[in-house]
Amino acid sequence: MKKIILLISTILFALCFTNCKEKKYFEEIVSEKNVSITKLRFPRDTEKEDLVINIPVEFNLYLNNFPNIWFVNIYYDKNNHGCVIVQDFLINESQTDKTIFTLDEFQYPNYPKSIYLVEQKIKISKEEAKKWIEKYNPKTAVENIKSIDDTITLVSYKKFREDNPKFIEELRRIPDSIKFVIKNRKEKKTIQIKEKINW
């Protein structure tokens, strides 16, 4: 009897593992894309010189494993608030760095293999900006950032994350999340997958 129970448990575990593996649509990875500093794109007070740090949050996509997908959309929540694409964040294709306004512009089997999200409202002080610029890009200066078109590149996010654990911990203090809304042609249902961003 014990052998039968063990066999059934093993089979159920294998089925569950296979199904979970098959249903994996995306996963967050530690990006090698560069962190950068620029001005806040849509400031409330135009007199302020708000600086922001752009951190790429990258995801491998497995959408091309599912031929019946016909619609995909992405939603991003920051500090428990929904964000607006372009105004609050951008989505770029990893291979080309081209901005994507919706994944719905792609169709199977041509979905990108990976994308990265860049939030545009992580404000930092001038002192923080100076510290990071001096460390990672000393040939320039924070004073060179005069408009949103002026961007100072620092270092890969992987390296930045290793060097600045306290800053990363602060990003994680209030969990942020990404949600994929996927429509399946065959099953005629909407799948919603929400996962916490690990930063």
C-alpha atoms as a PDB file:
ATOM      1  CA  MET A   1       0.000   0.000   0.000  1.00  0.00           C
ATOM      2  CA  LYS A   2       2.814   2.367   0.912  1.00  0.00           C
ATOM      3  CA  LYS A   3       4.499   1.626  -2.429  1.00  0.00           C
ATOM      4  CA  ILE A   4       1.295   2.478  -4.305  1.00  0.00           C
ATOM      5  CA  ILE A   5       0.885   5.759  -2.410  1.00  0.00           C
ATOM      6  CA  LEU A   6       4.528   6.622  -3.053  1.00  0.00           C
ATOM      7  CA  LEU A   7       4.137   5.822  -6.760  1.00  0.00           C
ATOM      8  CA  ILE A   8       0.979   7.965  -7.066  1.00  0.00           C
ATOM      9  CA  SER A   9       2.681  10.835  -5.212  1.00  0.00           C
ATOM     10  CA  THR A  10       5.677  10.625  -7.532  1.00  0.00           C
ATOM     11  CA  ILE A  11       3.483  10.670 -10.637  1.00  0.00           C
ATOM     12  CA  LEU A  12       1.427  13.629  -9.352  1.00  0.00           C
ATOM     13  CA  PHE A  13       4.608  15.543  -8.512  1.00  0.00           C
ATOM     14  CA  ALA A  14       6.022  14.842 -11.986  1.00  0.00           C
ATOM     15  CA  LEU A  15       2.791  15.993 -13.637  1.00  0.00           C
ATOM     16  CA  CYS A  16       2.669  19.132 -11.539  1.00  0.00           C
ATOM     17  CA  PHE A  17       6.326  19.894 -12.305  1.00  0.00           C
ATOM     18  CA  THR A  18       5.757  19.362 -16.039  1.00  0.00           C
ATOM     19  CA  ASN A  19       2.645  21.535 -16.103  1.00  0.00           C
ATOM     20  CA  CYS A  20       4.315  24.302 -14.135  1.00  0.00           C
ATOM     21  CA  LYS A  21       7.290  24.185 -16.475  1.00  0.00           C
ATOM     22  CA  GLU A  22       5.042  24.308 -19.530  1.00  0.00           C
ATOM     23  CA  LYS A  23       3.130  27.281 -18.162  1.00  0.00           C
ATOM     24  CA  LYS A  24       6.168  29.464 -17.528  1.00  0.00           C
ATOM     25  CA  TYR A  25       5.570  32.651 -19.518  1.00  0.00           C
ATOM     26  CA  PHE A  26       8.366  34.864 -18.146  1.00  0.00           C
ATOM     27  CA  GLU A  27      11.056  35.156 -15.476  1.00  0.00           C
ATOM     28  CA  GLU A  28      13.017  38.048 -14.033  1.00  0.00           C
ATOM     29  CA  ILE A  29      16.779  38.037 -14.535  1.00  0.00           C
ATOM     30  CA  VAL A  30      19.546  40.303 -13.233  1.00  0.00           C
ATOM     31  CA  SER A  31      20.148  42.642 -16.141  1.00  0.00           C
ATOM     32  CA  GLU A  32      23.471  43.458 -17.761  1.00  0.00           C
ATOM     33  CA  LYS A  33      21.882  46.621 -19.190  1.00  0.00           C
ATOM     34  CA  ASN A  34      23.288  49.885 -17.889  1.00  0.00           C
ATOM     35  CA  VAL A  35      21.961  51.992 -15.044  1.00  0.00           C
ATOM     36  CA  SER A  36      21.841  55.694 -15.900  1.00  0.00           C
ATOM     37  CA  ILE A  37      20.963  59.094 -14.448  1.00  0.00           C
ATOM     38  CA  THR A  38      18.848  61.746 -16.100  1.00  0.00           C
ATOM     39  CA  LYS A  39      16.188  64.351 -15.307  1.00  0.00           C
ATOM     40  CA  LEU A  40      12.640  63.539 -14.304  1.00  0.00           C
ATOM     41  CA  ARG A  41      10.574  63.338 -17.483  1.00  0.00           C
ATOM     42  CA  PHE A  42       7.306  64.806 -16.197  1.00  0.00           C
ATOM     43  CA  PRO A  43       8.066  67.000 -13.147  1.00  0.00           C
ATOM     44  CA  ARG A  44       5.187  68.528 -11.212  1.00  0.00           C
ATOM     45  CA  ASP A  45       7.330  71.525 -10.359  1.00  0.00           C
ATOM     46  CA  THR A  46       9.196  72.702 -13.453  1.00  0.00           C
ATOM     47  CA  GLU A  47      11.469  74.842 -11.292  1.00  0.00           C
ATOM     48  CA  LYS A  48      12.927  71.810  -9.541  1.00  0.00           C
ATOM     49  CA  GLU A  49      15.887  69.932 -10.946  1.00  0.00           C
ATOM     50  CA  ASP A  50      14.698  66.469  -9.978  1.00  0.00           C
ATOM     51  CA  LEU A  51      17.163  63.734 -10.908  1.00  0.00           C
ATOM     52  CA  VAL A  52      16.176  60.116 -11.446  1.00  0.00           C
ATOM     53  CA  ILE A  53      18.088  56.890 -11.685  1.00  0.00           C
ATOM     54  CA  ASN A  54      17.015  54.541 -14.483  1.00  0.00           C
ATOM     55  CA  ILE A  55      17.306  50.904 -13.457  1.00  0.00           C
ATOM     56  CA  PRO A  56      16.581  48.163 -16.012  1.00  0.00           C
ATOM     57  CA  VAL A  57      14.459  45.273 -14.715  1.00  0.00           C
ATOM     58  CA  GLU A  58      14.852  42.511 -17.273  1.00  0.00           C
ATOM     59  CA  PHE A  59      12.659  39.516 -18.070  1.00  0.00           C
ATOM     60  CA  ASN A  60      13.169  36.489 -20.247  1.00  0.00           C
ATOM     61  CA  LEU A  61       9.972  35.792 -22.190  1.00  0.00           C
ATOM     62  CA  TYR A  62       8.733  32.338 -23.145  1.00  0.00           C
ATOM     63  CA  LEU A  63       5.632  33.485 -25.005  1.00  0.00           C
ATOM     64  CA  ASN A  64       6.750  31.817 -28.225  1.00  0.00           C
ATOM     65  CA  ASN A  65       6.310  28.449 -26.513  1.00  0.00           C
ATOM     66  CA  PHE A  66       2.549  28.970 -26.632  1.00  0.00           C
ATOM     67  CA  PRO A  67       1.116  29.114 -30.176  1.00  0.00           C
ATOM     68  CA  ASN A  68      -2.414  29.877 -28.963  1.00  0.00           C
ATOM     69  CA  ILE A  69      -1.550  33.222 -27.371  1.00  0.00           C
ATOM     70  CA  TRP A  70      -3.164  36.071 -29.276  1.00  0.00           C
ATOM     71  CA  PHE A  71      -2.975  38.986 -26.801  1.00  0.00           C
ATOM     72  CA  VAL A  72      -0.416  40.052 -24.176  1.00  0.00           C
ATOM     73  CA  ASN A  73      -0.328  43.161 -22.037  1.00  0.00           C
ATOM     74  CA  ILE A  74       1.936  44.217 -19.158  1.00  0.00           C
ATOM     75  CA  TYR A  75       1.076  46.187 -16.036  1.00  0.00           C
ATOM     76  CA  TYR A  76       3.536  47.569 -13.496  1.00  0.00           C
ATOM     77  CA  ASP A  77       2.740  48.454  -9.863  1.00  0.00           C
ATOM     78  CA  LYS A  78       5.080  50.657  -7.829  1.00  0.00           C
ATOM     79  CA  ASN A  79       4.509  51.071  -4.088  1.00  0.00           C
ATOM     80  CA  ASN A  80       1.071  49.458  -4.498  1.00  0.00           C
ATOM     81  CA  HIS A  81       0.035  51.959  -7.191  1.00  0.00           C
ATOM     82  CA  GLY A  82      -0.574  51.237 -10.853  1.00  0.00           C
ATOM     83  CA  CYS A  83       1.866  52.967 -13.198  1.00  0.00           C
ATOM     84  CA  VAL A  84       1.283  54.420 -16.655  1.00  0.00           C
ATOM     85  CA  ILE A  85       3.483  53.404 -19.560  1.00  0.00           C
ATOM     86  CA  VAL A  86       5.583  56.275 -21.010  1.00  0.00           C
ATOM     87  CA  GLN A  87       4.658  58.592 -18.160  1.00  0.00           C
ATOM     88  CA  ASP A  88       5.973  56.335 -15.381  1.00  0.00           C
ATOM     89  CA  PHE A  89       7.927  53.576 -17.105  1.00  0.00           C
ATOM     90  CA  LEU A  90       9.129  52.280 -20.445  1.00  0.00           C
ATOM     91  CA  ILE A  91       9.388  48.771 -21.840  1.00  0.00           C
ATOM     92  CA  ASN A  92      12.250  48.037 -24.231  1.00  0.00           C
ATOM     93  CA  GLU A  93      13.157  45.011 -26.282  1.00  0.00           C
ATOM     94  CA  SER A  94      16.458  43.695 -24.902  1.00  0.00           C
ATOM     95  CA  GLN A  95      18.084  42.831 -28.198  1.00  0.00           C
ATOM     96  CA  THR A  96      17.414  46.125 -29.988  1.00  0.00           C
ATOM     97  CA  ASP A  97      16.726  48.527 -27.068  1.00  0.00           C
ATOM     98  CA  LYS A  98      13.664  49.620 -29.026  1.00  0.00           C
ATOM     99  CA  THR A  99      10.776  50.932 -26.925  1.00  0.00           C
ATOM    100  CA  ILE A 100       7.678  48.730 -26.969  1.00  0.00           C
ATOM    101  CA  PHE A 101       4.342  50.331 -26.180  1.00  0.00           C
ATOM    102  CA  THR A 102       2.480  47.040 -26.055  1.00  0.00           C
ATOM    103  CA  LEU A 103       3.422  43.422 -26.573  1.00  0.00           C
ATOM    104  CA  ASP A 104       0.218  43.139 -28.535  1.00  0.00           C
ATOM    105  CA  GLU A 105       2.091  44.545 -31.546  1.00  0.00           C
ATOM    106  CA  PHE A 106       3.788  41.134 -31.751  1.00  0.00           C
ATOM    107  CA  GLN A 107       2.238  37.787 -32.556  1.00  0.00           C
ATOM    108  CA  TYR A 108       3.362  34.192 -32.131  1.00  0.00           C
ATOM    109  CA  PRO A 109       6.092  33.167 -32.977  1.00  0.00           C
ATOM    110  CA  ASN A 110       7.649  36.643 -33.063  1.00  0.00           C
ATOM    111  CA  TYR A 111       7.457  37.775 -29.447  1.00  0.00           C
ATOM    112  CA  PRO A 112      10.756  39.175 -28.111  1.00  0.00           C
ATOM    113  CA  LYS A 113      12.933  36.703 -26.228  1.00  0.00           C
ATOM    114  CA  SER A 114      13.502  39.270 -23.511  1.00  0.00           C
ATOM    115  CA  ILE A 115      12.427  42.760 -22.474  1.00  0.00           C
ATOM    116  CA  TYR A 116      13.448  45.234 -19.819  1.00  0.00           C
ATOM    117  CA  LEU A 117      11.338  47.712 -17.924  1.00  0.00           C
ATOM    118  CA  VAL A 118      12.774  51.099 -16.923  1.00  0.00           C
ATOM    119  CA  GLU A 119      10.961  53.083 -14.281  1.00  0.00           C
ATOM    120  CA  GLN A 120      11.338  56.828 -14.814  1.00  0.00           C
ATOM    121  CA  LYS A 121      10.488  58.141 -11.362  1.00  0.00           C
ATOM    122  CA  ILE A 122      13.073  56.793  -8.937  1.00  0.00           C
ATOM    123  CA  LYS A 123      14.222  60.151  -7.637  1.00  0.00           C
ATOM    124  CA  ILE A 124      17.707  60.594  -6.214  1.00  0.00           C
ATOM    125  CA  SER A 125      19.463  63.507  -4.581  1.00  0.00           C
ATOM    126  CA  LYS A 126      22.151  65.530  -6.309  1.00  0.00           C
ATOM    127  CA  GLU A 127      24.621  64.172  -3.740  1.00  0.00           C
ATOM    128  CA  GLU A 128      23.769  60.567  -4.628  1.00  0.00           C
ATOM    129  CA  ALA A 129      24.081  61.353  -8.322  1.00  0.00           C
ATOM    130  CA  LYS A 130      27.495  62.950  -7.800  1.00  0.00           C
ATOM    131  CA  LYS A 131      28.698  59.981  -5.755  1.00  0.00           C
ATOM    132  CA  TRP A 132      27.723  57.440  -8.418  1.00  0.00           C
ATOM    133  CA  ILE A 133      28.973  59.547 -11.330  1.00  0.00           C
ATOM    134  CA  GLU A 134      32.354  60.015  -9.653  1.00  0.00           C
ATOM    135  CA  LYS A 135      32.557  56.271  -9.044  1.00  0.00           C
ATOM    136  CA  TYR A 136      31.352  54.921 -12.372  1.00  0.00           C
ATOM    137  CA  ASN A 137      31.780  57.696 -14.944  1.00  0.00           C
ATOM    138  CA  PRO A 138      34.265  60.258 -13.580  1.00  0.00           C
ATOM    139  CA  LYS A 139      34.916  61.853 -16.983  1.00  0.00           C
ATOM    140  CA  THR A 140      31.537  63.594 -16.797  1.00  0.00           C
ATOM    141  CA  ALA A 141      29.607  65.515 -14.107  1.00  0.00           C
ATOM    142  CA  VAL A 142      26.085  65.909 -12.785  1.00  0.00           C
ATOM    143  CA  GLU A 143      26.061  69.495 -14.087  1.00  0.00           C
ATOM    144  CA  ASN A 144      26.024  68.063 -17.622  1.00  0.00           C
ATOM    145  CA  ILE A 145      22.441  66.918 -17.097  1.00  0.00           C
ATOM    146  CA  LYS A 146      20.496  69.930 -18.297  1.00  0.00           C
ATOM    147  CA  SER A 147      17.436  68.269 -19.858  1.00  0.00           C
ATOM    148  CA  ILE A 148      15.729  64.871 -20.135  1.00  0.00           C
ATOM    149  CA  ASP A 149      17.804  64.265 -23.266  1.00  0.00           C
ATOM    150  CA  ASP A 150      21.000  64.358 -21.201  1.00  0.00           C
ATOM    151  CA  THR A 151      21.771  60.940 -19.754  1.00  0.00           C
ATOM    152  CA  ILE A 152      24.847  59.816 -17.861  1.00  0.00           C
ATOM    153  CA  THR A 153      25.558  56.098 -18.039  1.00  0.00           C
ATOM    154  CA  LEU A 154      26.909  54.491 -14.877  1.00  0.00           C
ATOM    155  CA  VAL A 155      27.473  50.720 -14.929  1.00  0.00           C
ATOM    156  CA  SER A 156      25.607  47.481 -15.568  1.00  0.00           C
ATOM    157  CA  TYR A 157      22.716  46.824 -13.211  1.00  0.00           C
ATOM    158  CA  LYS A 158      24.362  43.565 -12.157  1.00  0.00           C
ATOM    159  CA  LYS A 159      27.446  45.468 -10.941  1.00  0.00           C
ATOM    160  CA  PHE A 160      25.394  48.347  -9.484  1.00  0.00           C
ATOM    161  CA  ARG A 161      23.289  45.873  -7.519  1.00  0.00           C
ATOM    162  CA  GLU A 162      26.402  44.243  -6.060  1.00  0.00           C
ATOM    163  CA  ASP A 163      27.944  47.594  -5.104  1.00  0.00           C
ATOM    164  CA  ASN A 164      24.856  49.258  -3.602  1.00  0.00           C
ATOM    165  CA  PRO A 165      22.925  46.728  -1.502  1.00  0.00           C
ATOM    166  CA  LYS A 166      21.390  49.362   0.812  1.00  0.00           C
ATOM    167  CA  PHE A 167      19.896  51.246  -2.126  1.00  0.00           C
ATOM    168  CA  ILE A 168      18.482  47.986  -3.515  1.00  0.00           C
ATOM    169  CA  GLU A 169      17.046  47.075  -0.100  1.00  0.00           C
ATOM    170  CA  GLU A 170      15.202  50.388  -0.061  1.00  0.00           C
ATOM    171  CA  LEU A 171      13.689  49.609  -3.477  1.00  0.00           C
ATOM    172  CA  ARG A 172      12.436  46.314  -2.035  1.00  0.00           C
ATOM    173  CA  ARG A 173      10.987  47.851   1.128  1.00  0.00           C
ATOM    174  CA  ILE A 174       7.546  48.240  -0.455  1.00  0.00           C
ATOM    175  CA  PRO A 175       7.167  45.360  -2.938  1.00  0.00           C
ATOM    176  CA  ASP A 176       6.719  46.288  -6.596  1.00  0.00           C
ATOM    177  CA  SER A 177       5.179  43.885  -9.077  1.00  0.00           C
ATOM    178  CA  ILE A 178       4.665  43.126 -12.729  1.00  0.00           C
ATOM    179  CA  LYS A 179       1.522  41.553 -14.156  1.00  0.00           C
ATOM    180  CA  PHE A 180       1.122  39.822 -17.504  1.00  0.00           C
ATOM    181  CA  VAL A 181      -2.395  39.591 -18.913  1.00  0.00           C
ATOM    182  CA  ILE A 182      -2.505  36.885 -21.569  1.00  0.00           C
ATOM    183  CA  LYS A 183      -5.404  35.798 -23.743  1.00  0.00           C
ATOM    184  CA  ASN A 184      -5.451  32.276 -25.098  1.00  0.00           C
ATOM    185  CA  ARG A 185      -7.210  31.698 -28.413  1.00  0.00           C
ATOM    186  CA  LYS A 186      -7.831  27.992 -27.913  1.00  0.00           C
ATOM    187  CA  GLU A 187      -9.074  28.067 -24.326  1.00  0.00           C
ATOM    188  CA  LYS A 188     -10.856  31.420 -24.746  1.00  0.00           C
ATOM    189  CA  LYS A 189      -9.768  32.614 -21.345  1.00  0.00           C
ATOM    190  CA  THR A 190      -7.645  35.372 -19.867  1.00  0.00           C
ATOM    191  CA  ILE A 191      -4.614  34.417 -17.789  1.00  0.00           C
ATOM    192  CA  GLN A 192      -3.292  36.927 -15.249  1.00  0.00           C
ATOM    193  CA  ILE A 193       0.137  36.317 -13.750  1.00  0.00           C
ATOM    194  CA  LYS A 194       1.410  38.740 -11.129  1.00  0.00           C
ATOM    195  CA  GLU A 195       4.887  38.443  -9.649  1.00  0.00           C
ATOM    196  CA  LYS A 196       6.917  40.511  -7.228  1.00  0.00           C
ATOM    197  CA  ILE A 197       9.928  42.298  -8.705  1.00  0.00           C
ATOM    198  CA  ASN A 198      13.118  41.238  -6.939  1.00  0.00           C
ATOM    199  CA  TRP A 199      15.212  44.244  -7.995  1.00  0.00           C
END
